[in-house]
């Protein structure tokens, strides 16, 4: 059962067919996912205040209903380390098509994973787990399962990755929190089941996993037409 706040976000988003990232992050937060500290600014003083509250370095992203793929328009800037760089970034992003704000978020570190879902005509919601970032396109190392997922399904998905050794700690690197990853997967499956009549697809890329937790850093929710 979707919360009233989530329904309001979805209703607002129908006019452009997808959910803006700040609203998507709000949905994930309401579902119990870990997300970075973030806020949205439209003016320089507001942006500086937000960034100082979050703590430099920060990430800045364009918020615009006209721009789905932020990286295509250089709409994501990482490693912003001071007020001057932040204000310059705001000035540039504010000139992009459909600008309604700039999302400012804390920098998250960890192993990059992708978690996604798509409504298949025959099988219904299908859940995907893979290596995130650039690796998702280069290696195409992914596992697929039908929703809903049980913990054992999450286990099978993790073990199905060729690069699973990276998750368990490889050549001295710290292993990620497998329980946190499994919880993220099963919770994501629940979200997709609850929203299957509303959404076409959901992508979390990347999800940053460390020894402590898994954090949803970037997300996209595409609505059914």
C-alpha atoms as a PDB file:
ATOM      1  CA  UNK A   1       0.000   0.000   0.000  1.00  0.00           C
ATOM      2  CA  UNK A   2       1.555   3.293  -1.106  1.00  0.00           C
ATOM      3  CA  UNK A   3       1.753   6.119   1.399  1.00  0.00           C
ATOM      4  CA  UNK A   4      -0.214   9.277   0.672  1.00  0.00           C
ATOM      5  CA  UNK A   5       3.006  11.279   0.246  1.00  0.00           C
ATOM      6  CA  UNK A   6       4.251   8.865  -2.431  1.00  0.00           C
ATOM      7  CA  UNK A   7       0.941   8.983  -4.291  1.00  0.00           C
ATOM      8  CA  UNK A   8       1.145  12.787  -4.314  1.00  0.00           C
ATOM      9  CA  UNK A   9       4.668  12.652  -5.779  1.00  0.00           C
ATOM     10  CA  UNK A  10       3.543  10.227  -8.499  1.00  0.00           C
ATOM     11  CA  UNK A  11       0.484  12.317  -9.388  1.00  0.00           C
ATOM     12  CA  UNK A  12       2.640  15.438  -9.673  1.00  0.00           C
ATOM     13  CA  UNK A  13       5.147  13.613 -11.901  1.00  0.00           C
ATOM     14  CA  UNK A  14       2.665  12.198 -14.430  1.00  0.00           C
ATOM     15  CA  UNK A  15       2.746  15.366 -16.548  1.00  0.00           C
ATOM     16  CA  UNK A  16       6.344  14.677 -17.634  1.00  0.00           C
ATOM     17  CA  UNK A  17       6.290  10.876 -17.331  1.00  0.00           C
ATOM     18  CA  UNK A  18       9.068  10.374 -14.800  1.00  0.00           C
ATOM     19  CA  UNK A  19       9.978  11.328 -11.232  1.00  0.00           C
ATOM     20  CA  UNK A  20      12.518  14.082 -10.647  1.00  0.00           C
ATOM     21  CA  UNK A  21      15.486  12.886  -8.618  1.00  0.00           C
ATOM     22  CA  UNK A  22      14.751  14.802  -5.377  1.00  0.00           C
ATOM     23  CA  UNK A  23      11.236  13.307  -5.384  1.00  0.00           C
ATOM     24  CA  UNK A  24      12.582   9.847  -6.233  1.00  0.00           C
ATOM     25  CA  UNK A  25      15.041  10.060  -3.340  1.00  0.00           C
ATOM     26  CA  UNK A  26      12.147  11.055  -1.080  1.00  0.00           C
ATOM     27  CA  UNK A  27      10.254   7.930  -2.156  1.00  0.00           C
ATOM     28  CA  UNK A  28      13.253   5.700  -1.419  1.00  0.00           C
ATOM     29  CA  UNK A  29      13.776   7.371   1.943  1.00  0.00           C
ATOM     30  CA  UNK A  30      10.112   6.747   2.848  1.00  0.00           C
ATOM     31  CA  UNK A  31      10.616   3.068   1.953  1.00  0.00           C
ATOM     32  CA  UNK A  32      13.567   2.768   4.323  1.00  0.00           C
ATOM     33  CA  UNK A  33      16.435   2.945   1.832  1.00  0.00           C
ATOM     34  CA  UNK A  34      19.607   4.757   2.840  1.00  0.00           C
ATOM     35  CA  UNK A  35      20.140   7.933   0.797  1.00  0.00           C
ATOM     36  CA  UNK A  36      22.779  10.670   0.969  1.00  0.00           C
ATOM     37  CA  UNK A  37      22.067  13.931   2.764  1.00  0.00           C
ATOM     38  CA  UNK A  38      20.695  16.267   0.117  1.00  0.00           C
ATOM     39  CA  UNK A  39      18.726  19.407  -0.600  1.00  0.00           C
ATOM     40  CA  UNK A  40      17.647  21.512  -3.582  1.00  0.00           C
ATOM     41  CA  UNK A  41      18.688  25.109  -4.196  1.00  0.00           C
ATOM     42  CA  UNK A  42      17.748  27.711  -6.784  1.00  0.00           C
ATOM     43  CA  UNK A  43      19.844  30.638  -5.542  1.00  0.00           C
ATOM     44  CA  UNK A  44      23.508  31.047  -4.596  1.00  0.00           C
ATOM     45  CA  UNK A  45      23.018  31.865  -0.897  1.00  0.00           C
ATOM     46  CA  UNK A  46      20.654  28.929  -0.497  1.00  0.00           C
ATOM     47  CA  UNK A  47      23.116  26.571  -2.251  1.00  0.00           C
ATOM     48  CA  UNK A  48      26.043  27.680  -0.072  1.00  0.00           C
ATOM     49  CA  UNK A  49      23.990  27.255   3.099  1.00  0.00           C
ATOM     50  CA  UNK A  50      22.939  23.737   2.061  1.00  0.00           C
ATOM     51  CA  UNK A  51      26.457  22.668   1.083  1.00  0.00           C
ATOM     52  CA  UNK A  52      27.891  23.890   4.382  1.00  0.00           C
ATOM     53  CA  UNK A  53      25.214  21.993   6.307  1.00  0.00           C
ATOM     54  CA  UNK A  54      25.964  18.812   4.358  1.00  0.00           C
ATOM     55  CA  UNK A  55      29.739  19.352   4.434  1.00  0.00           C
ATOM     56  CA  UNK A  56      32.137  19.704   1.524  1.00  0.00           C
ATOM     57  CA  UNK A  57      32.939  18.012  -0.799  1.00  0.00           C
ATOM     58  CA  UNK A  58      29.484  17.705  -2.362  1.00  0.00           C
ATOM     59  CA  UNK A  59      27.857  16.585  -5.607  1.00  0.00           C
ATOM     60  CA  UNK A  60      25.615  18.907  -7.631  1.00  0.00           C
ATOM     61  CA  UNK A  61      23.000  17.757 -10.172  1.00  0.00           C
ATOM     62  CA  UNK A  62      20.596  19.526 -12.490  1.00  0.00           C
ATOM     63  CA  UNK A  63      16.917  19.181 -11.581  1.00  0.00           C
ATOM     64  CA  UNK A  64      14.819  19.639 -14.707  1.00  0.00           C
ATOM     65  CA  UNK A  65      11.728  17.850 -16.070  1.00  0.00           C
ATOM     66  CA  UNK A  66      13.219  18.404 -19.550  1.00  0.00           C
ATOM     67  CA  UNK A  67      16.459  16.503 -18.771  1.00  0.00           C
ATOM     68  CA  UNK A  68      16.240  12.788 -17.996  1.00  0.00           C
ATOM     69  CA  UNK A  69      19.876  11.908 -18.724  1.00  0.00           C
ATOM     70  CA  UNK A  70      21.824  14.422 -16.646  1.00  0.00           C
ATOM     71  CA  UNK A  71      25.276  13.282 -17.730  1.00  0.00           C
ATOM     72  CA  UNK A  72      24.450  13.962 -21.405  1.00  0.00           C
ATOM     73  CA  UNK A  73      24.321  17.703 -20.672  1.00  0.00           C
ATOM     74  CA  UNK A  74      27.137  17.695 -18.089  1.00  0.00           C
ATOM     75  CA  UNK A  75      24.456  18.077 -15.477  1.00  0.00           C
ATOM     76  CA  UNK A  76      26.355  16.225 -12.736  1.00  0.00           C
ATOM     77  CA  UNK A  77      29.376  17.742 -11.009  1.00  0.00           C
ATOM     78  CA  UNK A  78      31.239  15.744  -8.357  1.00  0.00           C
ATOM     79  CA  UNK A  79      33.886  16.809  -5.886  1.00  0.00           C
ATOM     80  CA  UNK A  80      32.727  20.386  -5.362  1.00  0.00           C
ATOM     81  CA  UNK A  81      35.039  21.537  -2.587  1.00  0.00           C
ATOM     82  CA  UNK A  82      34.155  25.171  -1.850  1.00  0.00           C
ATOM     83  CA  UNK A  83      31.547  27.936  -2.141  1.00  0.00           C
ATOM     84  CA  UNK A  84      33.099  29.473  -5.250  1.00  0.00           C
ATOM     85  CA  UNK A  85      32.992  26.240  -7.264  1.00  0.00           C
ATOM     86  CA  UNK A  86      29.455  25.585  -6.047  1.00  0.00           C
ATOM     87  CA  UNK A  87      28.171  29.000  -7.158  1.00  0.00           C
ATOM     88  CA  UNK A  88      29.857  28.655 -10.566  1.00  0.00           C
ATOM     89  CA  UNK A  89      28.176  25.271 -10.987  1.00  0.00           C
ATOM     90  CA  UNK A  90      24.779  26.718 -10.067  1.00  0.00           C
ATOM     91  CA  UNK A  91      25.215  29.541 -12.580  1.00  0.00           C
ATOM     92  CA  UNK A  92      25.979  27.055 -15.370  1.00  0.00           C
ATOM     93  CA  UNK A  93      23.255  24.544 -14.514  1.00  0.00           C
ATOM     94  CA  UNK A  94      20.624  27.277 -14.156  1.00  0.00           C
ATOM     95  CA  UNK A  95      21.027  28.011 -17.872  1.00  0.00           C
ATOM     96  CA  UNK A  96      20.099  24.454 -18.893  1.00  0.00           C
ATOM     97  CA  UNK A  97      16.696  23.623 -20.360  1.00  0.00           C
ATOM     98  CA  UNK A  98      13.846  23.475 -17.846  1.00  0.00           C
ATOM     99  CA  UNK A  99      15.972  24.248 -14.760  1.00  0.00           C
ATOM    100  CA  UNK A 100      13.905  24.114 -11.560  1.00  0.00           C
ATOM    101  CA  UNK A 101      16.771  23.666  -9.111  1.00  0.00           C
ATOM    102  CA  UNK A 102      20.135  22.128  -8.308  1.00  0.00           C
ATOM    103  CA  UNK A 103      20.298  19.070  -6.091  1.00  0.00           C
ATOM    104  CA  UNK A 104      23.222  19.205  -3.664  1.00  0.00           C
ATOM    105  CA  UNK A 105      24.219  15.938  -1.993  1.00  0.00           C
ATOM    106  CA  UNK A 106      26.994  14.506   0.123  1.00  0.00           C
ATOM    107  CA  UNK A 107      29.705  12.473  -1.595  1.00  0.00           C
ATOM    108  CA  UNK A 108      29.202   8.748  -1.057  1.00  0.00           C
ATOM    109  CA  UNK A 109      32.040   6.241  -1.387  1.00  0.00           C
ATOM    110  CA  UNK A 110      31.996   2.499  -1.876  1.00  0.00           C
ATOM    111  CA  UNK A 111      31.675  -0.257  -4.461  1.00  0.00           C
ATOM    112  CA  UNK A 112      29.349   0.842  -7.265  1.00  0.00           C
ATOM    113  CA  UNK A 113      26.413  -1.448  -7.992  1.00  0.00           C
ATOM    114  CA  UNK A 114      23.275  -1.057 -10.091  1.00  0.00           C
ATOM    115  CA  UNK A 115      19.863  -2.278  -8.966  1.00  0.00           C
ATOM    116  CA  UNK A 116      17.044  -1.959 -11.445  1.00  0.00           C
ATOM    117  CA  UNK A 117      13.590  -3.207 -12.342  1.00  0.00           C
ATOM    118  CA  UNK A 118      11.434  -3.320 -15.442  1.00  0.00           C
ATOM    119  CA  UNK A 119       7.854  -4.416 -15.983  1.00  0.00           C
ATOM    120  CA  UNK A 120       7.996  -7.341 -18.397  1.00  0.00           C
ATOM    121  CA  UNK A 121       4.812  -7.978 -20.411  1.00  0.00           C
ATOM    122  CA  UNK A 122       5.014 -11.725 -19.791  1.00  0.00           C
ATOM    123  CA  UNK A 123       6.676 -12.073 -16.381  1.00  0.00           C
ATOM    124  CA  UNK A 124       5.817  -8.828 -14.579  1.00  0.00           C
ATOM    125  CA  UNK A 125       8.441  -6.968 -12.509  1.00  0.00           C
ATOM    126  CA  UNK A 126      11.976  -8.239 -13.148  1.00  0.00           C
ATOM    127  CA  UNK A 127      14.739  -7.247 -10.734  1.00  0.00           C
ATOM    128  CA  UNK A 128      18.334  -6.694 -11.896  1.00  0.00           C
ATOM    129  CA  UNK A 129      21.574  -6.569  -9.913  1.00  0.00           C
ATOM    130  CA  UNK A 130      24.897  -5.738 -11.504  1.00  0.00           C
ATOM    131  CA  UNK A 131      28.180  -3.931 -11.262  1.00  0.00           C
ATOM    132  CA  UNK A 132      27.408  -0.226 -11.486  1.00  0.00           C
ATOM    133  CA  UNK A 133      28.972   2.887 -12.942  1.00  0.00           C
ATOM    134  CA  UNK A 134      30.947   2.462 -16.154  1.00  0.00           C
ATOM    135  CA  UNK A 135      31.253  -1.262 -15.453  1.00  0.00           C
ATOM    136  CA  UNK A 136      27.580  -1.951 -16.166  1.00  0.00           C
ATOM    137  CA  UNK A 137      28.076  -1.112 -19.858  1.00  0.00           C
ATOM    138  CA  UNK A 138      31.550  -2.596 -20.261  1.00  0.00           C
ATOM    139  CA  UNK A 139      31.189  -5.922 -18.468  1.00  0.00           C
ATOM    140  CA  UNK A 140      27.403  -6.453 -18.631  1.00  0.00           C
ATOM    141  CA  UNK A 141      27.760  -8.476 -15.422  1.00  0.00           C
ATOM    142  CA  UNK A 142      24.174  -8.757 -14.166  1.00  0.00           C
ATOM    143  CA  UNK A 143      21.759 -11.152 -12.440  1.00  0.00           C
ATOM    144  CA  UNK A 144      17.990 -11.200 -13.069  1.00  0.00           C
ATOM    145  CA  UNK A 145      15.091 -12.544 -10.993  1.00  0.00           C
ATOM    146  CA  UNK A 146      11.325 -12.181 -11.006  1.00  0.00           C
ATOM    147  CA  UNK A 147       9.808 -10.184  -8.167  1.00  0.00           C
ATOM    148  CA  UNK A 148       8.931 -10.600  -5.371  1.00  0.00           C
ATOM    149  CA  UNK A 149      12.356 -11.535  -4.025  1.00  0.00           C
ATOM    150  CA  UNK A 150      13.048 -13.586  -0.933  1.00  0.00           C
ATOM    151  CA  UNK A 151      16.386 -13.410   0.897  1.00  0.00           C
ATOM    152  CA  UNK A 152      17.466 -16.649  -0.816  1.00  0.00           C
ATOM    153  CA  UNK A 153      16.748 -15.039  -4.214  1.00  0.00           C
ATOM    154  CA  UNK A 154      18.955 -12.090  -3.265  1.00  0.00           C
ATOM    155  CA  UNK A 155      21.688 -14.592  -2.324  1.00  0.00           C
ATOM    156  CA  UNK A 156      21.420 -16.292  -5.726  1.00  0.00           C
ATOM    157  CA  UNK A 157      21.576 -12.941  -7.522  1.00  0.00           C
ATOM    158  CA  UNK A 158      24.734 -11.913  -5.679  1.00  0.00           C
ATOM    159  CA  UNK A 159      26.380 -15.301  -6.273  1.00  0.00           C
ATOM    160  CA  UNK A 160      25.399 -15.088  -9.954  1.00  0.00           C
ATOM    161  CA  UNK A 161      27.683 -12.127 -10.570  1.00  0.00           C
ATOM    162  CA  UNK A 162      31.022 -12.887 -12.197  1.00  0.00           C
ATOM    163  CA  UNK A 163      32.534 -10.081 -10.115  1.00  0.00           C
ATOM    164  CA  UNK A 164      31.099 -11.349  -6.810  1.00  0.00           C
ATOM    165  CA  UNK A 165      34.659 -11.663  -5.451  1.00  0.00           C
ATOM    166  CA  UNK A 166      34.844  -7.865  -5.452  1.00  0.00           C
ATOM    167  CA  UNK A 167      31.855  -7.777  -3.107  1.00  0.00           C
ATOM    168  CA  UNK A 168      33.428 -10.302  -0.736  1.00  0.00           C
ATOM    169  CA  UNK A 169      36.721  -8.407  -0.586  1.00  0.00           C
ATOM    170  CA  UNK A 170      39.385  -8.940  -3.234  1.00  0.00           C
ATOM    171  CA  UNK A 171      43.140  -8.641  -2.780  1.00  0.00           C
ATOM    172  CA  UNK A 172      42.898  -6.936   0.565  1.00  0.00           C
ATOM    173  CA  UNK A 173      39.906  -4.705  -0.161  1.00  0.00           C
ATOM    174  CA  UNK A 174      37.211  -4.503   2.505  1.00  0.00           C
ATOM    175  CA  UNK A 175      34.155  -6.716   1.875  1.00  0.00           C
ATOM    176  CA  UNK A 176      30.806  -4.963   1.569  1.00  0.00           C
ATOM    177  CA  UNK A 177      27.954  -5.490   3.998  1.00  0.00           C
ATOM    178  CA  UNK A 178      26.151  -8.404   2.328  1.00  0.00           C
ATOM    179  CA  UNK A 179      23.199  -8.217   4.717  1.00  0.00           C
ATOM    180  CA  UNK A 180      22.687  -4.563   3.795  1.00  0.00           C
ATOM    181  CA  UNK A 181      22.805  -5.436   0.087  1.00  0.00           C
ATOM    182  CA  UNK A 182      20.304  -8.277   0.505  1.00  0.00           C
ATOM    183  CA  UNK A 183      18.005  -6.015   2.509  1.00  0.00           C
ATOM    184  CA  UNK A 184      18.268  -3.349  -0.210  1.00  0.00           C
ATOM    185  CA  UNK A 185      17.393  -5.912  -2.892  1.00  0.00           C
ATOM    186  CA  UNK A 186      14.381  -7.362  -1.069  1.00  0.00           C
ATOM    187  CA  UNK A 187      13.133  -3.897  -0.102  1.00  0.00           C
ATOM    188  CA  UNK A 188      13.528  -2.757  -3.711  1.00  0.00           C
ATOM    189  CA  UNK A 189      11.514  -5.783  -4.825  1.00  0.00           C
ATOM    190  CA  UNK A 190       8.728  -4.797  -2.399  1.00  0.00           C
ATOM    191  CA  UNK A 191       8.773  -1.239  -3.756  1.00  0.00           C
ATOM    192  CA  UNK A 192       8.501  -2.495  -7.329  1.00  0.00           C
ATOM    193  CA  UNK A 193       5.612  -4.816  -6.470  1.00  0.00           C
ATOM    194  CA  UNK A 194       3.770  -1.956  -4.769  1.00  0.00           C
ATOM    195  CA  UNK A 195       4.349   0.303  -7.779  1.00  0.00           C
ATOM    196  CA  UNK A 196       4.040  -2.194 -10.642  1.00  0.00           C
ATOM    197  CA  UNK A 197       0.796  -0.667 -11.923  1.00  0.00           C
ATOM    198  CA  UNK A 198       2.362   2.805 -11.941  1.00  0.00           C
ATOM    199  CA  UNK A 199       5.968   2.487 -13.111  1.00  0.00           C
ATOM    200  CA  UNK A 200       7.592   1.214 -16.289  1.00  0.00           C
ATOM    201  CA  UNK A 201      11.078   0.938 -14.809  1.00  0.00           C
ATOM    202  CA  UNK A 202      13.248   1.976 -11.871  1.00  0.00           C
ATOM    203  CA  UNK A 203      17.029   2.329 -11.922  1.00  0.00           C
ATOM    204  CA  UNK A 204      19.293   2.841  -8.932  1.00  0.00           C
ATOM    205  CA  UNK A 205      22.734   3.558 -10.375  1.00  0.00           C
ATOM    206  CA  UNK A 206      24.909   3.682  -8.514  1.00  0.00           C
ATOM    207  CA  UNK A 207      24.146   2.087  -5.207  1.00  0.00           C
ATOM    208  CA  UNK A 208      27.315   2.591  -3.153  1.00  0.00           C
ATOM    209  CA  UNK A 209      28.050  -0.325  -0.844  1.00  0.00           C
ATOM    210  CA  UNK A 210      30.621  -0.372   1.956  1.00  0.00           C
ATOM    211  CA  UNK A 211      31.315  -2.553   4.990  1.00  0.00           C
ATOM    212  CA  UNK A 212      28.654  -0.538   6.827  1.00  0.00           C
ATOM    213  CA  UNK A 213      25.779   0.052   4.420  1.00  0.00           C
ATOM    214  CA  UNK A 214      24.395   0.427   0.893  1.00  0.00           C
ATOM    215  CA  UNK A 215      23.344   3.938  -0.153  1.00  0.00           C
ATOM    216  CA  UNK A 216      21.134   4.861  -3.129  1.00  0.00           C
ATOM    217  CA  UNK A 217      23.174   7.650  -4.742  1.00  0.00           C
ATOM    218  CA  UNK A 218      21.314   8.198  -8.016  1.00  0.00           C
ATOM    219  CA  UNK A 219      17.909   7.042  -9.159  1.00  0.00           C
ATOM    220  CA  UNK A 220      15.381   7.229 -11.978  1.00  0.00           C
ATOM    221  CA  UNK A 221      11.701   6.250 -11.917  1.00  0.00           C
ATOM    222  CA  UNK A 222       9.952   6.069 -15.309  1.00  0.00           C
ATOM    223  CA  UNK A 223       6.157   6.055 -15.158  1.00  0.00           C
ATOM    224  CA  UNK A 224       3.771   4.078 -17.339  1.00  0.00           C
ATOM    225  CA  UNK A 225       2.289   6.088 -20.184  1.00  0.00           C
END
